[in-house]
Structure formats: C-alpha cells, structure tokens
Amino acid sequence: MIPGGGQPNMQQLLQQAQKMQQDLARAQEELARTEVDGQSGGGLVKATVTGAGELRALVIDPKAVDPEDTETLADLVVAAVQAANENAQALQQQKLGPLAQGLGGGGIPGLPF
C-alpha cells in the first residue's frame, strides 16, 4: 500500500534497485579480496580462504607431520579448511545479509544463506 494512495515512483524504484545492485557487487568484490583464517589442532594447521570461500593458503606446523599417521594430518587439514569456510560464511552474512534483506529477504541465489 502506497501512502496517500498514489502510484509508486518507478524512476525512484529503479534507482533504488540499481543502487542496491551496485552495493551488492561492491560487497562481493570486497569479499573476494578479504582473507579469513581457520585453524585446527590448536593451531597446528591453519587455512586461509577468501570471504568468497576460495582456499588461498595452508600452513602445517611440522609437529603435525607424523609419517606413521597421515590420517590425523588429513583430518586436521579438513577441519582447518572447514573452520575457515565457516568464518567466510559468517563474513558473507555480515556483508551481504543486509543487502539480501533489501532484495526481498529471500537470500541471493548461489550464496549459502
């Protein structure tokens, strides 16, 4: 319902939609540049991903390397990457959540929220 019973100003609506689109694109670019860390094993394995979830770096402390037990090392790597991705998703929610709400609150296709 439009206050006063008038018609929506289409030009104004289009400008708002265009601004939201630009804000969203800017936030996505910022996420792609922002790096987020995750770790496991008390810091023995550290993973760095972008805010968009792209794995950028993996640091393994030599203490985590046991030739007799590569399975534990693999688990630590997976856990560190998962932790980094969870942090990236939290960053996505923080950066893109308000913009998604402005687009109708239904989330943005292709993003995990």
N, C-alpha and C. Protein backbone atom coordinates (compact mmCIF):
# COMPACT_ATOMS: atom_id res chain seq x y z
N MET A 1 0.85 -1.18 0.00
CA MET A 1 0.00 0.00 0.00
C MET A 1 0.89 1.24 0.00
N ILE A 2 0.61 2.13 -0.91
CA ILE A 2 1.38 3.37 -1.04
C ILE A 2 0.69 4.44 -0.19
N PRO A 3 1.44 5.11 0.70
CA PRO A 3 0.83 6.18 1.50
C PRO A 3 0.20 7.23 0.60
N GLY A 4 -0.99 7.66 0.95
CA GLY A 4 -1.68 8.68 0.16
C GLY A 4 -2.37 8.11 -1.05
N GLY A 5 -2.28 6.81 -1.29
CA GLY A 5 -2.98 6.17 -2.39
C GLY A 5 -2.37 6.41 -3.75
N GLY A 6 -1.20 7.03 -3.83
CA GLY A 6 -0.58 7.30 -5.13
C GLY A 6 0.12 6.09 -5.70
N GLN A 7 0.61 6.23 -6.91
CA GLN A 7 1.35 5.17 -7.58
C GLN A 7 2.82 5.27 -7.18
N PRO A 8 3.52 4.13 -7.14
CA PRO A 8 4.95 4.20 -6.83
C PRO A 8 5.70 4.94 -7.93
N ASN A 9 6.70 5.67 -7.55
CA ASN A 9 7.53 6.39 -8.50
C ASN A 9 8.49 5.38 -9.11
N MET A 10 8.23 4.96 -10.35
CA MET A 10 9.02 3.92 -10.99
C MET A 10 10.49 4.32 -11.14
N GLN A 11 10.72 5.58 -11.45
CA GLN A 11 12.10 6.05 -11.60
C GLN A 11 12.85 5.90 -10.28
N GLN A 12 12.20 6.26 -9.19
CA GLN A 12 12.81 6.16 -7.87
C GLN A 12 13.07 4.69 -7.51
N LEU A 13 12.10 3.82 -7.81
CA LEU A 13 12.27 2.38 -7.54
C LEU A 13 13.43 1.81 -8.35
N LEU A 14 13.54 2.20 -9.61
CA LEU A 14 14.63 1.73 -10.45
C LEU A 14 15.98 2.21 -9.92
N GLN A 15 16.04 3.46 -9.47
CA GLN A 15 17.28 3.99 -8.92
C GLN A 15 17.68 3.24 -7.65
N GLN A 16 16.69 2.94 -6.80
CA GLN A 16 16.97 2.20 -5.57
C GLN A 16 17.48 0.79 -5.90
N ALA A 17 16.84 0.14 -6.87
CA ALA A 17 17.25 -1.21 -7.25
C ALA A 17 18.66 -1.19 -7.84
N GLN A 18 18.96 -0.18 -8.64
CA GLN A 18 20.30 -0.07 -9.24
C GLN A 18 21.36 0.17 -8.16
N LYS A 19 21.04 1.01 -7.18
CA LYS A 19 21.98 1.27 -6.10
C LYS A 19 22.22 0.00 -5.29
N MET A 20 21.17 -0.75 -5.01
CA MET A 20 21.31 -2.00 -4.25
C MET A 20 22.17 -2.98 -5.03
N GLN A 21 21.98 -3.03 -6.34
CA GLN A 21 22.78 -3.92 -7.20
C GLN A 21 24.26 -3.52 -7.15
N GLN A 22 24.53 -2.22 -7.20
CA GLN A 22 25.91 -1.74 -7.12
C GLN A 22 26.51 -2.04 -5.76
N ASP A 23 25.72 -1.84 -4.69
CA ASP A 23 26.20 -2.14 -3.33
C ASP A 23 26.53 -3.61 -3.19
N LEU A 24 25.68 -4.46 -3.76
CA LEU A 24 25.89 -5.91 -3.70
C LEU A 24 27.16 -6.29 -4.45
N ALA A 25 27.35 -5.75 -5.64
CA ALA A 25 28.55 -6.04 -6.43
C ALA A 25 29.80 -5.58 -5.69
N ARG A 26 29.73 -4.42 -5.07
CA ARG A 26 30.87 -3.89 -4.31
C ARG A 26 31.18 -4.81 -3.12
N ALA A 27 30.15 -5.26 -2.42
CA ALA A 27 30.35 -6.14 -1.27
C ALA A 27 30.93 -7.48 -1.71
N GLN A 28 30.48 -8.00 -2.85
CA GLN A 28 31.01 -9.27 -3.34
C GLN A 28 32.48 -9.13 -3.73
N GLU A 29 32.84 -8.01 -4.34
CA GLU A 29 34.25 -7.76 -4.69
C GLU A 29 35.11 -7.68 -3.44
N GLU A 30 34.57 -7.01 -2.42
CA GLU A 30 35.30 -6.89 -1.16
C GLU A 30 35.50 -8.27 -0.52
N LEU A 31 34.47 -9.10 -0.56
CA LEU A 31 34.58 -10.46 -0.02
C LEU A 31 35.66 -11.25 -0.75
N ALA A 32 35.72 -11.10 -2.06
CA ALA A 32 36.71 -11.85 -2.85
C ALA A 32 38.14 -11.45 -2.49
N ARG A 33 38.32 -10.21 -2.00
CA ARG A 33 39.66 -9.72 -1.62
C ARG A 33 39.99 -9.99 -0.15
N THR A 34 38.98 -10.14 0.68
CA THR A 34 39.20 -10.30 2.12
C THR A 34 39.59 -11.74 2.44
N GLU A 35 40.64 -11.90 3.25
CA GLU A 35 41.07 -13.23 3.63
C GLU A 35 40.64 -13.53 5.06
N VAL A 36 40.23 -14.78 5.28
CA VAL A 36 39.72 -15.24 6.57
C VAL A 36 40.47 -16.51 6.93
N ASP A 37 40.82 -16.65 8.20
CA ASP A 37 41.57 -17.82 8.65
C ASP A 37 40.71 -18.79 9.42
N GLY A 38 41.15 -20.03 9.44
CA GLY A 38 40.58 -21.07 10.27
C GLY A 38 41.73 -21.97 10.69
N GLN A 39 41.58 -22.62 11.85
CA GLN A 39 42.66 -23.48 12.31
C GLN A 39 42.10 -24.71 13.00
N SER A 40 42.98 -25.68 13.18
CA SER A 40 42.62 -26.89 13.90
C SER A 40 43.85 -27.40 14.64
N GLY A 41 43.62 -28.35 15.53
CA GLY A 41 44.74 -28.92 16.28
C GLY A 41 45.46 -27.90 17.12
N GLY A 42 44.71 -26.95 17.67
CA GLY A 42 45.34 -25.91 18.49
C GLY A 42 46.31 -25.05 17.71
N GLY A 43 46.06 -24.89 16.43
CA GLY A 43 46.90 -24.03 15.59
C GLY A 43 47.95 -24.80 14.81
N LEU A 44 47.94 -26.12 14.88
CA LEU A 44 48.92 -26.91 14.12
C LEU A 44 48.69 -26.79 12.62
N VAL A 45 47.42 -26.62 12.23
CA VAL A 45 47.08 -26.46 10.81
C VAL A 45 46.23 -25.20 10.69
N LYS A 46 46.63 -24.32 9.78
CA LYS A 46 45.90 -23.07 9.55
C LYS A 46 45.57 -22.97 8.07
N ALA A 47 44.32 -22.63 7.80
CA ALA A 47 43.87 -22.44 6.42
C ALA A 47 43.42 -21.00 6.25
N THR A 48 43.69 -20.44 5.09
CA THR A 48 43.25 -19.10 4.75
C THR A 48 42.39 -19.20 3.50
N VAL A 49 41.18 -18.64 3.58
CA VAL A 49 40.27 -18.59 2.44
C VAL A 49 39.85 -17.15 2.24
N THR A 50 39.34 -16.87 1.04
CA THR A 50 38.77 -15.54 0.81
C THR A 50 37.38 -15.53 1.42
N GLY A 51 36.82 -14.34 1.55
CA GLY A 51 35.45 -14.22 2.04
C GLY A 51 34.46 -14.93 1.14
N ALA A 52 34.87 -15.21 -0.10
CA ALA A 52 34.02 -15.94 -1.04
C ALA A 52 34.25 -17.45 -0.95
N GLY A 53 35.19 -17.88 -0.07
CA GLY A 53 35.40 -19.31 0.14
C GLY A 53 36.51 -19.95 -0.67
N GLU A 54 37.32 -19.17 -1.36
CA GLU A 54 38.42 -19.72 -2.17
C GLU A 54 39.64 -19.96 -1.28
N LEU A 55 40.15 -21.21 -1.26
CA LEU A 55 41.32 -21.54 -0.45
C LEU A 55 42.54 -20.83 -1.01
N ARG A 56 43.22 -20.05 -0.17
CA ARG A 56 44.38 -19.28 -0.60
C ARG A 56 45.69 -19.80 -0.02
N ALA A 57 45.64 -20.31 1.22
CA ALA A 57 46.89 -20.75 1.86
C ALA A 57 46.59 -21.84 2.88
N LEU A 58 47.61 -22.67 3.09
CA LEU A 58 47.51 -23.75 4.06
C LEU A 58 48.88 -23.85 4.73
N VAL A 59 48.92 -23.70 6.05
CA VAL A 59 50.16 -23.76 6.81
C VAL A 59 50.06 -24.94 7.76
N ILE A 60 51.06 -25.84 7.68
CA ILE A 60 51.08 -27.03 8.52
C ILE A 60 52.35 -26.99 9.38
N ASP A 61 52.14 -26.97 10.69
CA ASP A 61 53.26 -27.00 11.62
C ASP A 61 53.95 -28.36 11.50
N PRO A 62 55.28 -28.40 11.44
CA PRO A 62 55.98 -29.68 11.32
C PRO A 62 55.62 -30.68 12.42
N LYS A 63 55.21 -30.18 13.60
CA LYS A 63 54.81 -31.07 14.69
C LYS A 63 53.58 -31.90 14.33
N ALA A 64 52.80 -31.44 13.35
CA ALA A 64 51.59 -32.16 12.95
C ALA A 64 51.90 -33.29 11.98
N VAL A 65 53.14 -33.35 11.49
CA VAL A 65 53.50 -34.33 10.47
C VAL A 65 54.10 -35.58 11.13
N ASP A 66 53.35 -36.67 11.03
CA ASP A 66 53.82 -37.96 11.52
C ASP A 66 53.67 -38.95 10.37
N PRO A 67 54.78 -39.40 9.78
CA PRO A 67 54.69 -40.31 8.63
C PRO A 67 53.89 -41.57 8.93
N GLU A 68 53.80 -41.94 10.20
CA GLU A 68 53.05 -43.14 10.58
C GLU A 68 51.56 -42.86 10.71
N ASP A 69 51.18 -41.56 10.71
CA ASP A 69 49.77 -41.22 10.95
C ASP A 69 49.34 -40.05 10.04
N THR A 70 49.30 -40.28 8.75
CA THR A 70 48.88 -39.23 7.82
C THR A 70 47.39 -38.98 7.90
N GLU A 71 46.64 -39.94 8.41
CA GLU A 71 45.18 -39.78 8.52
C GLU A 71 44.82 -38.62 9.46
N THR A 72 45.52 -38.52 10.58
CA THR A 72 45.26 -37.42 11.52
C THR A 72 45.59 -36.09 10.87
N LEU A 73 46.68 -36.01 10.14
CA LEU A 73 47.04 -34.78 9.45
C LEU A 73 45.96 -34.39 8.44
N ALA A 74 45.47 -35.38 7.70
CA ALA A 74 44.41 -35.10 6.73
C ALA A 74 43.17 -34.57 7.44
N ASP A 75 42.83 -35.15 8.59
CA ASP A 75 41.67 -34.68 9.36
C ASP A 75 41.87 -33.24 9.83
N LEU A 76 43.09 -32.92 10.26
CA LEU A 76 43.39 -31.56 10.71
C LEU A 76 43.28 -30.56 9.55
N VAL A 77 43.73 -30.96 8.38
CA VAL A 77 43.64 -30.08 7.20
C VAL A 77 42.17 -29.83 6.87
N VAL A 78 41.38 -30.89 6.83
CA VAL A 78 39.95 -30.75 6.52
C VAL A 78 39.28 -29.86 7.55
N ALA A 79 39.58 -30.07 8.83
CA ALA A 79 38.97 -29.28 9.89
C ALA A 79 39.35 -27.80 9.79
N ALA A 80 40.61 -27.52 9.46
CA ALA A 80 41.05 -26.13 9.33
C ALA A 80 40.36 -25.44 8.15
N VAL A 81 40.24 -26.14 7.03
CA VAL A 81 39.56 -25.57 5.86
C VAL A 81 38.09 -25.34 6.18
N GLN A 82 37.46 -26.30 6.85
CA GLN A 82 36.05 -26.12 7.23
C GLN A 82 35.89 -24.92 8.15
N ALA A 83 36.78 -24.77 9.13
CA ALA A 83 36.71 -23.64 10.05
C ALA A 83 36.86 -22.32 9.29
N ALA A 84 37.79 -22.28 8.36
CA ALA A 84 37.99 -21.06 7.56
C ALA A 84 36.75 -20.76 6.73
N ASN A 85 36.14 -21.79 6.14
CA ASN A 85 34.93 -21.59 5.34
C ASN A 85 33.76 -21.14 6.20
N GLU A 86 33.66 -21.66 7.42
CA GLU A 86 32.59 -21.20 8.32
C GLU A 86 32.79 -19.72 8.63
N ASN A 87 34.04 -19.32 8.85
CA ASN A 87 34.32 -17.90 9.10
C ASN A 87 34.00 -17.06 7.86
N ALA A 88 34.27 -17.61 6.68
CA ALA A 88 33.96 -16.89 5.44
C ALA A 88 32.45 -16.74 5.28
N GLN A 89 31.68 -17.78 5.64
CA GLN A 89 30.22 -17.69 5.55
C GLN A 89 29.67 -16.66 6.53
N ALA A 90 30.26 -16.60 7.72
CA ALA A 90 29.84 -15.59 8.69
C ALA A 90 30.12 -14.19 8.14
N LEU A 91 31.26 -14.03 7.47
CA LEU A 91 31.59 -12.74 6.86
C LEU A 91 30.61 -12.41 5.74
N GLN A 92 30.24 -13.43 4.94
CA GLN A 92 29.26 -13.22 3.88
C GLN A 92 27.94 -12.74 4.47
N GLN A 93 27.50 -13.39 5.54
CA GLN A 93 26.24 -12.99 6.20
C GLN A 93 26.33 -11.54 6.65
N GLN A 94 27.46 -11.19 7.25
CA GLN A 94 27.65 -9.84 7.77
C GLN A 94 27.63 -8.81 6.65
N LYS A 95 28.32 -9.11 5.54
CA LYS A 95 28.45 -8.14 4.44
C LYS A 95 27.23 -8.13 3.52
N LEU A 96 26.72 -9.32 3.22
CA LEU A 96 25.67 -9.42 2.20
C LEU A 96 24.28 -9.58 2.79
N GLY A 97 24.18 -9.99 4.05
CA GLY A 97 22.88 -10.20 4.67
C GLY A 97 21.95 -9.00 4.57
N PRO A 98 22.42 -7.81 5.00
CA PRO A 98 21.55 -6.63 4.90
C PRO A 98 21.13 -6.33 3.46
N LEU A 99 22.03 -6.58 2.51
CA LEU A 99 21.69 -6.33 1.10
C LEU A 99 20.65 -7.34 0.63
N ALA A 100 20.78 -8.59 1.08
CA ALA A 100 19.80 -9.62 0.71
C ALA A 100 18.43 -9.27 1.27
N GLN A 101 18.40 -8.73 2.49
CA GLN A 101 17.13 -8.32 3.08
C GLN A 101 16.48 -7.24 2.22
N GLY A 102 17.29 -6.33 1.72
CA GLY A 102 16.76 -5.26 0.88
C GLY A 102 16.25 -5.75 -0.45
N LEU A 103 16.69 -6.94 -0.88
CA LEU A 103 16.25 -7.50 -2.15
C LEU A 103 15.05 -8.42 -1.96
N GLY A 104 14.41 -8.36 -0.80
CA GLY A 104 13.23 -9.17 -0.58
C GLY A 104 13.41 -10.21 0.51
N GLY A 105 14.60 -10.31 1.07
CA GLY A 105 14.82 -11.19 2.21
C GLY A 105 14.89 -12.66 1.85
N GLY A 106 14.80 -13.01 0.59
CA GLY A 106 14.81 -14.41 0.21
C GLY A 106 16.20 -14.96 -0.03
N GLY A 107 17.22 -14.18 0.28
CA GLY A 107 18.57 -14.65 0.03
C GLY A 107 18.94 -14.38 -1.42
N ILE A 108 20.15 -14.72 -1.74
CA ILE A 108 20.66 -14.49 -3.08
C ILE A 108 21.03 -15.84 -3.67
N PRO A 109 20.50 -16.18 -4.82
CA PRO A 109 20.81 -17.49 -5.40
C PRO A 109 22.32 -17.69 -5.53
N GLY A 110 22.77 -18.88 -5.16
CA GLY A 110 24.17 -19.19 -5.27
C GLY A 110 24.97 -18.90 -4.01
N LEU A 111 24.36 -18.20 -3.04
CA LEU A 111 25.03 -17.95 -1.79
C LEU A 111 24.38 -18.82 -0.70
N PRO A 112 25.16 -19.20 0.31
CA PRO A 112 24.67 -20.18 1.28
C PRO A 112 23.73 -19.63 2.35
N PHE A 113 23.00 -18.59 2.10
CA PHE A 113 22.04 -18.11 3.10
C PHE A 113 20.81 -17.56 2.43
